[in-house]
C-alpha atoms as a PDB file:
ATOM      1  CA  MET A   1       7.633   9.158  12.649  1.00  0.00           C
ATOM      2  CA  THR A   2       9.244  11.754  14.865  1.00  0.00           C
ATOM      3  CA  THR A   3      12.697  13.101  14.123  1.00  0.00           C
ATOM      4  CA  THR A   4      14.177  11.026  16.960  1.00  0.00           C
ATOM      5  CA  ASP A   5      12.583   7.748  15.823  1.00  0.00           C
ATOM      6  CA  THR A   6      14.635   5.377  13.730  1.00  0.00           C
ATOM      7  CA  PRO A   7      12.998   3.234  11.034  1.00  0.00           C
ATOM      8  CA  ASN A   8      13.451   0.221  13.340  1.00  0.00           C
ATOM      9  CA  ASP A   9      11.616   2.086  16.142  1.00  0.00           C
ATOM     10  CA  ARG A  10       8.765   2.777  13.724  1.00  0.00           C
ATOM     11  CA  ALA A  11       8.564  -0.844  12.584  1.00  0.00           C
ATOM     12  CA  SER A  12       8.689  -2.054  16.167  1.00  0.00           C
ATOM     13  CA  SER A  13       5.924   0.307  17.293  1.00  0.00           C
ATOM     14  CA  VAL A  14       3.762  -0.656  14.310  1.00  0.00           C
ATOM     15  CA  ARG A  15       4.222  -4.370  15.121  1.00  0.00           C
ATOM     16  CA  SER A  16       3.444  -3.717  18.791  1.00  0.00           C
ATOM     17  CA  ALA A  17       0.278  -1.804  17.983  1.00  0.00           C
ATOM     18  CA  ARG A  18      -0.838  -4.489  15.529  1.00  0.00           C
ATOM     19  CA  HIS A  19      -0.175  -7.220  18.091  1.00  0.00           C
ATOM     20  CA  GLU A  20      -1.926  -5.292  20.854  1.00  0.00           C
ATOM     21  CA  TYR A  21      -5.128  -4.854  18.858  1.00  0.00           C
ATOM     22  CA  SER A  22      -5.066  -8.015  16.766  1.00  0.00           C
ATOM     23  CA  HIS A  23      -7.407  -9.825  19.155  1.00  0.00           C
ATOM     24  CA  SER A  24     -10.037  -7.111  18.986  1.00  0.00           C
ATOM     25  CA  PRO A  25     -13.013  -8.158  16.812  1.00  0.00           C
ATOM     26  CA  ASP A  26     -12.957  -4.769  15.068  1.00  0.00           C
ATOM     27  CA  PHE A  27      -9.244  -4.986  14.283  1.00  0.00           C
ATOM     28  CA  ALA A  28      -9.318  -8.615  13.180  1.00  0.00           C
ATOM     29  CA  ASP A  29     -11.801  -7.808  10.404  1.00  0.00           C
ATOM     30  CA  CYS A  30     -10.186  -4.510   9.410  1.00  0.00           C
ATOM     31  CA  ARG A  31      -8.384  -4.300   6.104  1.00  0.00           C
ATOM     32  CA  THR A  32      -5.049  -2.503   6.242  1.00  0.00           C
ATOM     33  CA  ALA A  33      -3.202  -0.231   3.836  1.00  0.00           C
ATOM     34  CA  VAL A  34       0.088   1.610   3.542  1.00  0.00           C
ATOM     35  CA  VAL A  35       0.260   4.873   1.574  1.00  0.00           C
ATOM     36  CA  ILE A  36       3.719   5.800   0.250  1.00  0.00           C
ATOM     37  CA  ASP A  37       3.815   9.288  -1.270  1.00  0.00           C
ATOM     38  CA  GLY A  38       6.159  12.234  -0.845  1.00  0.00           C
ATOM     39  CA  ASP A  39       3.433  14.887  -1.184  1.00  0.00           C
ATOM     40  CA  GLU A  40       1.749  15.553   2.155  1.00  0.00           C
ATOM     41  CA  ARG A  41      -1.539  16.679   0.554  1.00  0.00           C
ATOM     42  CA  ILE A  42      -1.738  13.597  -1.648  1.00  0.00           C
ATOM     43  CA  ARG A  43      -0.930  11.330   1.322  1.00  0.00           C
ATOM     44  CA  ALA A  44      -3.729  12.931   3.326  1.00  0.00           C
ATOM     45  CA  GLN A  45      -6.182  12.539   0.449  1.00  0.00           C
ATOM     46  CA  LEU A  46      -5.213   8.886  -0.031  1.00  0.00           C
ATOM     47  CA  VAL A  47      -5.525   8.167   3.691  1.00  0.00           C
ATOM     48  CA  GLN A  48      -8.950   9.810   3.734  1.00  0.00           C
ATOM     49  CA  THR A  49     -10.097   7.793   0.695  1.00  0.00           C
ATOM     50  CA  LEU A  50      -8.800   4.507   2.101  1.00  0.00           C
ATOM     51  CA  GLU A  51     -10.197   5.069   5.575  1.00  0.00           C
ATOM     52  CA  ALA A  52     -13.588   5.892   4.041  1.00  0.00           C
ATOM     53  CA  ALA A  53     -13.311   2.516   2.271  1.00  0.00           C
ATOM     54  CA  GLY A  54     -12.743   0.776   5.617  1.00  0.00           C
ATOM     55  CA  TYR A  55      -8.948   0.496   5.707  1.00  0.00           C
ATOM     56  CA  ALA A  56      -6.751   1.141   8.740  1.00  0.00           C
ATOM     57  CA  THR A  57      -3.968   3.139   7.117  1.00  0.00           C
ATOM     58  CA  ASP A  58      -0.294   3.964   7.710  1.00  0.00           C
ATOM     59  CA  ALA A  59       1.247   6.784   5.663  1.00  0.00           C
ATOM     60  CA  CYS A  60       4.913   7.152   4.695  1.00  0.00           C
ATOM     61  CA  ALA A  61       6.721  10.056   3.031  1.00  0.00           C
ATOM     62  CA  ASN A  62       9.586   8.121   1.420  1.00  0.00           C
ATOM     63  CA  GLY A  63      10.347   4.772  -0.138  1.00  0.00           C
ATOM     64  CA  ILE A  64      12.625   3.377   2.557  1.00  0.00           C
ATOM     65  CA  GLU A  65      10.120   4.054   5.339  1.00  0.00           C
ATOM     66  CA  GLY A  66       7.383   2.681   3.098  1.00  0.00           C
ATOM     67  CA  VAL A  67       9.117  -0.650   2.504  1.00  0.00           C
ATOM     68  CA  GLU A  68       9.894  -1.006   6.222  1.00  0.00           C
ATOM     69  CA  THR A  69       6.275  -0.275   7.148  1.00  0.00           C
ATOM     70  CA  VAL A  70       4.919  -2.737   4.588  1.00  0.00           C
ATOM     71  CA  LEU A  71       7.245  -5.472   5.815  1.00  0.00           C
ATOM     72  CA  ALA A  72       6.392  -4.732   9.462  1.00  0.00           C
ATOM     73  CA  THR A  73       2.610  -4.609   9.020  1.00  0.00           C
ATOM     74  CA  SER A  74       1.810  -6.972   6.095  1.00  0.00           C
ATOM     75  CA  PRO A  75      -0.997  -4.774   4.742  1.00  0.00           C
ATOM     76  CA  ASP A  76      -3.717  -5.834   2.341  1.00  0.00           C
ATOM     77  CA  LEU A  77      -3.103  -2.843   0.056  1.00  0.00           C
ATOM     78  CA  VAL A  78      -0.222  -0.505  -0.771  1.00  0.00           C
ATOM     79  CA  THR A  79      -0.367   2.696  -2.776  1.00  0.00           C
ATOM     80  CA  VAL A  80       2.967   4.013  -4.003  1.00  0.00           C
ATOM     81  CA  ASP A  81       4.179   6.963  -6.055  1.00  0.00           C
ATOM     82  CA  VAL A  82       6.974   6.408  -8.563  1.00  0.00           C
ATOM     83  CA  ASN A  83       8.812   9.634  -7.645  1.00  0.00           C
ATOM     84  CA  LEU A  84       9.978   9.201  -4.058  1.00  0.00           C
ATOM     85  CA  LEU A  85      12.919  10.306  -1.967  1.00  0.00           C
ATOM     86  CA  GLY A  86      15.438   7.673  -0.936  1.00  0.00           C
ATOM     87  CA  ILE A  87      14.427   4.951  -3.354  1.00  0.00           C
ATOM     88  CA  ASP A  88      11.950   5.297  -6.198  1.00  0.00           C
ATOM     89  CA  GLY A  89       8.574   3.615  -6.360  1.00  0.00           C
ATOM     90  CA  ILE A  90       9.703   0.932  -8.811  1.00  0.00           C
ATOM     91  CA  LEU A  91      12.384  -0.237  -6.366  1.00  0.00           C
ATOM     92  CA  VAL A  92       9.851  -0.029  -3.528  1.00  0.00           C
ATOM     93  CA  ILE A  93       7.562  -2.411  -5.424  1.00  0.00           C
ATOM     94  CA  ARG A  94      10.435  -4.778  -6.211  1.00  0.00           C
ATOM     95  CA  ARG A  95      11.571  -4.903  -2.575  1.00  0.00           C
ATOM     96  CA  ILE A  96       8.032  -5.528  -1.366  1.00  0.00           C
ATOM     97  CA  ARG A  97       7.554  -8.367  -3.846  1.00  0.00           C
ATOM     98  CA  GLU A  98      11.021  -9.856  -3.220  1.00  0.00           C
ATOM     99  CA  ALA A  99      10.137 -10.012   0.490  1.00  0.00           C
ATOM    100  CA  GLY A 100       7.162 -12.195  -0.434  1.00  0.00           C
ATOM    101  CA  SER A 101       4.369  -9.698   0.153  1.00  0.00           C
ATOM    102  CA  THR A 102       1.104 -10.486  -1.598  1.00  0.00           C
ATOM    103  CA  ALA A 103      -0.382  -7.055  -0.845  1.00  0.00           C
ATOM    104  CA  HIS A 104      -2.260  -5.415  -3.674  1.00  0.00           C
ATOM    105  CA  ILE A 105      -0.082  -2.603  -5.019  1.00  0.00           C
ATOM    106  CA  ILE A 106      -1.557   0.371  -6.823  1.00  0.00           C
ATOM    107  CA  VAL A 107       0.818   2.957  -8.257  1.00  0.00           C
ATOM    108  CA  ILE A 108      -0.500   6.508  -8.056  1.00  0.00           C
ATOM    109  CA  SER A 109       1.802   8.752 -10.035  1.00  0.00           C
ATOM    110  CA  GLY A 110       1.982  11.963 -12.009  1.00  0.00           C
ATOM    111  CA  LEU A 111       4.108  10.137 -14.574  1.00  0.00           C
ATOM    112  CA  GLN A 112       2.002   9.192 -17.559  1.00  0.00           C
ATOM    113  CA  ASP A 113       4.669   7.708 -19.801  1.00  0.00           C
ATOM    114  CA  GLU A 114       4.048   4.171 -21.030  1.00  0.00           C
ATOM    115  CA  THR A 115       7.543   3.137 -19.900  1.00  0.00           C
ATOM    116  CA  ASP A 116       6.808   4.082 -16.275  1.00  0.00           C
ATOM    117  CA  LYS A 117       3.607   2.071 -16.364  1.00  0.00           C
ATOM    118  CA  ILE A 118       5.295  -0.978 -17.875  1.00  0.00           C
ATOM    119  CA  LEU A 119       8.152  -0.806 -15.349  1.00  0.00           C
ATOM    120  CA  SER A 120       5.605  -0.620 -12.526  1.00  0.00           C
ATOM    121  CA  PHE A 121       3.671  -3.649 -13.743  1.00  0.00           C
ATOM    122  CA  THR A 122       6.888  -5.580 -14.385  1.00  0.00           C
ATOM    123  CA  ALA A 123       8.052  -4.824 -10.826  1.00  0.00           C
ATOM    124  CA  GLY A 124       4.791  -6.238  -9.445  1.00  0.00           C
ATOM    125  CA  ALA A 125       2.146  -3.493  -9.387  1.00  0.00           C
ATOM    126  CA  ASP A 126      -1.488  -4.537  -9.791  1.00  0.00           C
ATOM    127  CA  ASP A 127      -2.780  -1.226 -11.156  1.00  0.00           C
ATOM    128  CA  TYR A 128      -1.567   2.235 -12.187  1.00  0.00           C
ATOM    129  CA  VAL A 129      -3.526   5.437 -11.608  1.00  0.00           C
ATOM    130  CA  THR A 130      -2.321   8.809 -12.855  1.00  0.00           C
ATOM    131  CA  LYS A 131      -2.445  12.039 -10.854  1.00  0.00           C
ATOM    132  CA  PRO A 132      -4.545  13.961 -10.452  1.00  0.00           C
ATOM    133  CA  PHE A 133      -6.820  11.097  -9.507  1.00  0.00           C
ATOM    134  CA  ARG A 134     -10.493  11.060  -8.629  1.00  0.00           C
ATOM    135  CA  PRO A 135     -11.154   9.471  -5.230  1.00  0.00           C
ATOM    136  CA  ARG A 136     -14.267   7.625  -6.472  1.00  0.00           C
ATOM    137  CA  GLU A 137     -12.358   6.142  -9.401  1.00  0.00           C
ATOM    138  CA  LEU A 138      -9.526   5.098  -7.089  1.00  0.00           C
ATOM    139  CA  ARG A 139     -12.049   3.467  -4.767  1.00  0.00           C
ATOM    140  CA  ALA A 140     -13.538   1.561  -7.722  1.00  0.00           C
ATOM    141  CA  ARG A 141     -10.068   0.358  -8.756  1.00  0.00           C
ATOM    142  CA  ILE A 142      -9.299  -0.755  -5.193  1.00  0.00           C
ATOM    143  CA  ASP A 143     -12.585  -2.649  -5.072  1.00  0.00           C
ATOM    144  CA  ALA A 144     -11.842  -4.284  -8.447  1.00  0.00           C
ATOM    145  CA  VAL A 145      -8.349  -5.420  -7.439  1.00  0.00           C
ATOM    146  CA  THR A 146      -9.517  -6.832  -4.118  1.00  0.00           C
ATOM    147  CA  ARG A 147     -12.616  -8.428  -5.656  1.00  0.00           C
ATOM    148  CA  ARG A 148     -10.489 -10.323  -8.200  1.00  0.00           C
ATOM    149  CA  SER A 149      -8.257 -11.750  -5.473  1.00  0.00           C
ATOM    150  CA  THR A 150     -11.264 -12.730  -3.351  1.00  0.00           C
ATOM    151  CA  GLN A 151     -12.794 -14.519  -6.343  1.00  0.00           C
ATOM    152  CA  GLN A 152      -9.503 -16.331  -7.036  1.00  0.00           C
ATOM    153  CA  ALA A 153      -9.215 -17.427  -3.406  1.00  0.00           C
ATOM    154  CA  THR A 154     -12.782 -18.744  -3.457  1.00  0.00           C
ATOM    155  CA  LYS A 155     -12.152 -20.707  -6.675  1.00  0.00           C
ATOM    156  CA  THR A 156      -8.952 -22.166  -5.232  1.00  0.00           C
ATOM    157  CA  ARG A 157     -10.747 -23.373  -2.100  1.00  0.00           C
ATOM    158  CA  HIS A 158     -13.529 -24.992  -4.120  1.00  0.00           C
ATOM    159  CA  THR A 159     -11.143 -26.842  -6.435  1.00  0.00           C
ATOM    160  CA  ALA A 160      -8.799 -28.029  -3.658  1.00  0.00           C
END
């Protein structure tokens, strides 16, 4: 987001881009992710890991922008740090869940205290990874979270 963009401009441009490409066969099958982390290096590493896993990825530096981007794009996956500017990661997760998002949420944080982990899960996180993280382990956790939901969806369709 440029310094002259407002959060609403960002959300609008994200929606426009999604709408513009949503009829493309490549885009229709593409999984999407939003990375919310205040550290530019970590954001870049997460984007690289997710894009290597086949995700089209948006990256946000603070919690407010992150929530707005998630609500505007309805991603499949969200990664969020607990320590963020604006609003913390726990509140980000709560706002995403209160808005009805079913995106998989993985917390990636330097905080290793049990309380932070419990608060994250209580707010609606699906997994918690501590920094520094290993990209291959993160990829395995992403695959596990998405595999479980795919299996649940398949079971639901077969029993309905």
